[in-house]
C-alpha atoms as a PDB file:
ATOM      1  CA  MET A   1      34.861  26.804  26.428  1.00  0.00           C
ATOM      2  CA  ASN A   2      33.108  29.963  25.356  1.00  0.00           C
ATOM      3  CA  LYS A   3      29.738  30.263  23.641  1.00  0.00           C
ATOM      4  CA  ARG A   4      31.246  30.913  20.194  1.00  0.00           C
ATOM      5  CA  GLN A   5      33.388  27.769  20.391  1.00  0.00           C
ATOM      6  CA  ARG A   6      30.375  25.684  21.474  1.00  0.00           C
ATOM      7  CA  GLU A   7      28.327  26.981  18.588  1.00  0.00           C
ATOM      8  CA  ARG A   8      31.043  26.201  16.131  1.00  0.00           C
ATOM      9  CA  TYR A   9      31.309  22.613  17.451  1.00  0.00           C
ATOM     10  CA  ARG A  10      27.511  22.316  17.377  1.00  0.00           C
ATOM     11  CA  LYS A  11      27.507  23.301  13.684  1.00  0.00           C
ATOM     12  CA  GLN A  12      30.316  20.813  12.949  1.00  0.00           C
ATOM     13  CA  LEU A  13      28.371  18.048  14.723  1.00  0.00           C
ATOM     14  CA  LEU A  14      25.166  18.778  12.900  1.00  0.00           C
ATOM     15  CA  ALA A  15      26.928  18.837   9.547  1.00  0.00           C
ATOM     16  CA  LYS A  16      28.692  15.540  10.269  1.00  0.00           C
ATOM     17  CA  ARG A  17      25.356  14.003  11.339  1.00  0.00           C
ATOM     18  CA  GLU A  18      23.677  15.119   8.136  1.00  0.00           C
ATOM     19  CA  GLU A  19      26.606  13.847   6.018  1.00  0.00           C
ATOM     20  CA  LEU A  20      26.584  10.447   7.721  1.00  0.00           C
ATOM     21  CA  LEU A  21      22.817  10.056   7.477  1.00  0.00           C
ATOM     22  CA  HIS A  22      23.039  10.820   3.775  1.00  0.00           C
ATOM     23  CA  LEU A  23      25.738   8.144   3.328  1.00  0.00           C
ATOM     24  CA  VAL A  24      23.693   5.551   5.232  1.00  0.00           C
ATOM     25  CA  GLN A  25      20.611   6.332   3.142  1.00  0.00           C
ATOM     26  CA  ALA A  26      22.635   6.082  -0.069  1.00  0.00           C
ATOM     27  CA  ALA A  27      24.030   2.705   1.050  1.00  0.00           C
ATOM     28  CA  ARG A  28      20.539   1.403   1.860  1.00  0.00           C
ATOM     29  CA  LYS A  29      19.266   2.562  -1.508  1.00  0.00           C
ATOM     30  CA  SER A  30      22.120   0.905  -3.311  1.00  0.00           C
ATOM     31  CA  GLU A  31      21.564  -2.274  -1.338  1.00  0.00           C
ATOM     32  CA  LYS A  32      17.899  -2.374  -2.150  1.00  0.00           C
ATOM     33  CA  GLU A  33      18.613  -1.780  -5.877  1.00  0.00           C
ATOM     34  CA  GLY A  34      21.096  -4.710  -5.835  1.00  0.00           C
ATOM     35  CA  THR A  35      18.763  -7.210  -4.204  1.00  0.00           C
ATOM     36  CA  GLY A  36      16.662  -9.448  -6.378  1.00  0.00           C
ATOM     37  CA  LYS A  37      19.034  -9.255  -9.302  1.00  0.00           C
ATOM     38  CA  GLU A  38      20.770 -12.545  -9.756  1.00  0.00           C
ATOM     39  CA  ALA A  39      24.272 -12.144 -11.177  1.00  0.00           C
ATOM     40  CA  PRO A  40      24.924 -14.313 -14.264  1.00  0.00           C
ATOM     41  CA  ASP A  41      28.022 -16.201 -12.872  1.00  0.00           C
ATOM     42  CA  LEU A  42      29.489 -17.310  -9.616  1.00  0.00           C
ATOM     43  CA  GLY A  43      32.269 -14.635  -9.623  1.00  0.00           C
ATOM     44  CA  ASP A  44      29.765 -11.845 -10.168  1.00  0.00           C
ATOM     45  CA  ARG A  45      27.552 -13.157  -7.383  1.00  0.00           C
ATOM     46  CA  ALA A  46      30.553 -13.382  -5.058  1.00  0.00           C
ATOM     47  CA  LEU A  47      31.601  -9.800  -5.848  1.00  0.00           C
ATOM     48  CA  SER A  48      28.039  -8.647  -5.272  1.00  0.00           C
ATOM     49  CA  THR A  49      27.922 -10.357  -1.930  1.00  0.00           C
ATOM     50  CA  VAL A  50      31.251  -8.864  -0.889  1.00  0.00           C
ATOM     51  CA  THR A  51      30.162  -5.393  -2.000  1.00  0.00           C
ATOM     52  CA  ARG A  52      26.875  -5.749  -0.101  1.00  0.00           C
ATOM     53  CA  ASP A  53      28.662  -6.928   3.064  1.00  0.00           C
ATOM     54  CA  LEU A  54      31.134  -4.065   2.835  1.00  0.00           C
ATOM     55  CA  SER A  55      28.237  -1.600   2.445  1.00  0.00           C
ATOM     56  CA  TYR A  56      26.569  -3.104   5.498  1.00  0.00           C
ATOM     57  CA  GLN A  57      29.747  -2.824   7.601  1.00  0.00           C
ATOM     58  CA  LEU A  58      30.251   0.806   6.528  1.00  0.00           C
ATOM     59  CA  THR A  59      26.710   1.688   7.481  1.00  0.00           C
ATOM     60  CA  ILE A  60      27.216   0.132  10.899  1.00  0.00           C
ATOM     61  CA  ALA A  61      30.339   2.245  11.478  1.00  0.00           C
ATOM     62  CA  GLU A  62      28.589   5.316  10.181  1.00  0.00           C
ATOM     63  CA  ARG A  63      25.543   4.709  12.378  1.00  0.00           C
ATOM     64  CA  ASP A  64      27.879   4.327  15.347  1.00  0.00           C
ATOM     65  CA  ILE A  65      29.411   7.765  14.637  1.00  0.00           C
ATOM     66  CA  VAL A  66      25.836   9.232  14.254  1.00  0.00           C
ATOM     67  CA  ARG A  67      25.127   7.857  17.757  1.00  0.00           C
ATOM     68  CA  ARG A  68      28.320   9.445  19.069  1.00  0.00           C
ATOM     69  CA  VAL A  69      27.394  12.731  17.438  1.00  0.00           C
ATOM     70  CA  ASP A  70      23.952  12.597  18.945  1.00  0.00           C
ATOM     71  CA  ASP A  71      25.484  11.870  22.356  1.00  0.00           C
ATOM     72  CA  ALA A  72      27.827  14.876  21.951  1.00  0.00           C
ATOM     73  CA  LEU A  73      24.814  17.107  21.025  1.00  0.00           C
ATOM     74  CA  ASP A  74      22.978  15.805  24.091  1.00  0.00           C
ATOM     75  CA  ARG A  75      26.023  16.562  26.359  1.00  0.00           C
ATOM     76  CA  MET A  76      26.113  20.037  24.818  1.00  0.00           C
ATOM     77  CA  GLU A  77      22.506  20.588  25.747  1.00  0.00           C
ATOM     78  CA  LYS A  78      23.242  19.476  29.285  1.00  0.00           C
ATOM     79  CA  GLY A  79      26.344  21.707  29.572  1.00  0.00           C
ATOM     80  CA  GLU A  80      28.655  18.666  29.730  1.00  0.00           C
ATOM     81  CA  TYR A  81      30.229  18.944  26.278  1.00  0.00           C
ATOM     82  CA  GLY A  82      34.011  19.093  26.260  1.00  0.00           C
ATOM     83  CA  ILE A  83      34.265  17.315  29.597  1.00  0.00           C
ATOM     84  CA  CYS A  84      35.761  13.853  29.681  1.00  0.00           C
ATOM     85  CA  VAL A  85      33.078  11.288  30.702  1.00  0.00           C
ATOM     86  CA  ALA A  86      35.762   9.182  32.484  1.00  0.00           C
ATOM     87  CA  CYS A  87      37.750  11.671  34.526  1.00  0.00           C
ATOM     88  CA  ALA A  88      35.598  14.856  34.291  1.00  0.00           C
ATOM     89  CA  LYS A  89      38.599  16.943  33.111  1.00  0.00           C
ATOM     90  CA  LYS A  90      38.325  19.291  30.151  1.00  0.00           C
ATOM     91  CA  VAL A  91      38.835  17.638  26.789  1.00  0.00           C
ATOM     92  CA  GLN A  92      41.694  19.350  24.930  1.00  0.00           C
ATOM     93  CA  ILE A  93      40.537  21.790  22.275  1.00  0.00           C
ATOM     94  CA  GLY A  94      42.849  20.193  19.693  1.00  0.00           C
ATOM     95  CA  ARG A  95      41.122  16.874  20.328  1.00  0.00           C
ATOM     96  CA  LEU A  96      37.680  18.430  19.934  1.00  0.00           C
ATOM     97  CA  ASP A  97      38.847  20.081  16.718  1.00  0.00           C
ATOM     98  CA  ALA A  98      39.917  16.691  15.390  1.00  0.00           C
ATOM     99  CA  VAL A  99      37.011  14.618  16.706  1.00  0.00           C
ATOM    100  CA  PRO A 100      34.145  16.872  17.879  1.00  0.00           C
ATOM    101  CA  TRP A 101      32.073  13.912  19.047  1.00  0.00           C
ATOM    102  CA  THR A 102      34.823  12.607  21.328  1.00  0.00           C
ATOM    103  CA  ARG A 103      33.823  11.591  24.835  1.00  0.00           C
ATOM    104  CA  HIS A 104      37.302  11.331  26.402  1.00  0.00           C
ATOM    105  CA  CYS A 105      40.386  13.443  26.905  1.00  0.00           C
ATOM    106  CA  ILE A 106      43.592  12.085  25.282  1.00  0.00           C
ATOM    107  CA  GLU A 107      44.726  10.310  28.433  1.00  0.00           C
ATOM    108  CA  CYS A 108      41.459   8.564  29.074  1.00  0.00           C
ATOM    109  CA  GLN A 109      41.116   7.660  25.355  1.00  0.00           C
ATOM    110  CA  GLU A 110      44.531   5.910  25.553  1.00  0.00           C
ATOM    111  CA  LEU A 111      43.328   3.991  28.622  1.00  0.00           C
ATOM    112  CA  GLN A 112      40.137   2.976  26.752  1.00  0.00           C
ATOM    113  CA  ASP A 113      42.155   1.866  23.731  1.00  0.00           C
ATOM    114  CA  ARG A 114      44.148  -0.415  26.008  1.00  0.00           C
ATOM    115  CA  GLY A 115      40.966  -1.721  27.593  1.00  0.00           C
ATOM    116  CA  GLU A 116      41.786  -0.195  31.013  1.00  0.00           C
ATOM    117  CA  ILE A 117      38.495   1.834  31.300  1.00  0.00           C
END
């Protein structure tokens, strides 16, 4: 991978990180605004609980991606970006284009999805 490609991926990773952090902060703000207000009936309270739980689950997933983005940026600093952490082969450019924070090549990702690594 050349320097221009690395810089392009670094910009994508930083933009994704900023986007996700903004979403997490918005979810937290929305959650704080919703607490303390008792809904007038049982249906409204149930809907409020479901909405709050969904928001919490989304922020967990988003925080996980932020962690993966940070790991990818760290691998970039170490000169290890674009190298599969399982087999040490180059990660396919198409895969990096689709998921710039990926840790695995396609073959190793399939193995991980099946629980084999």
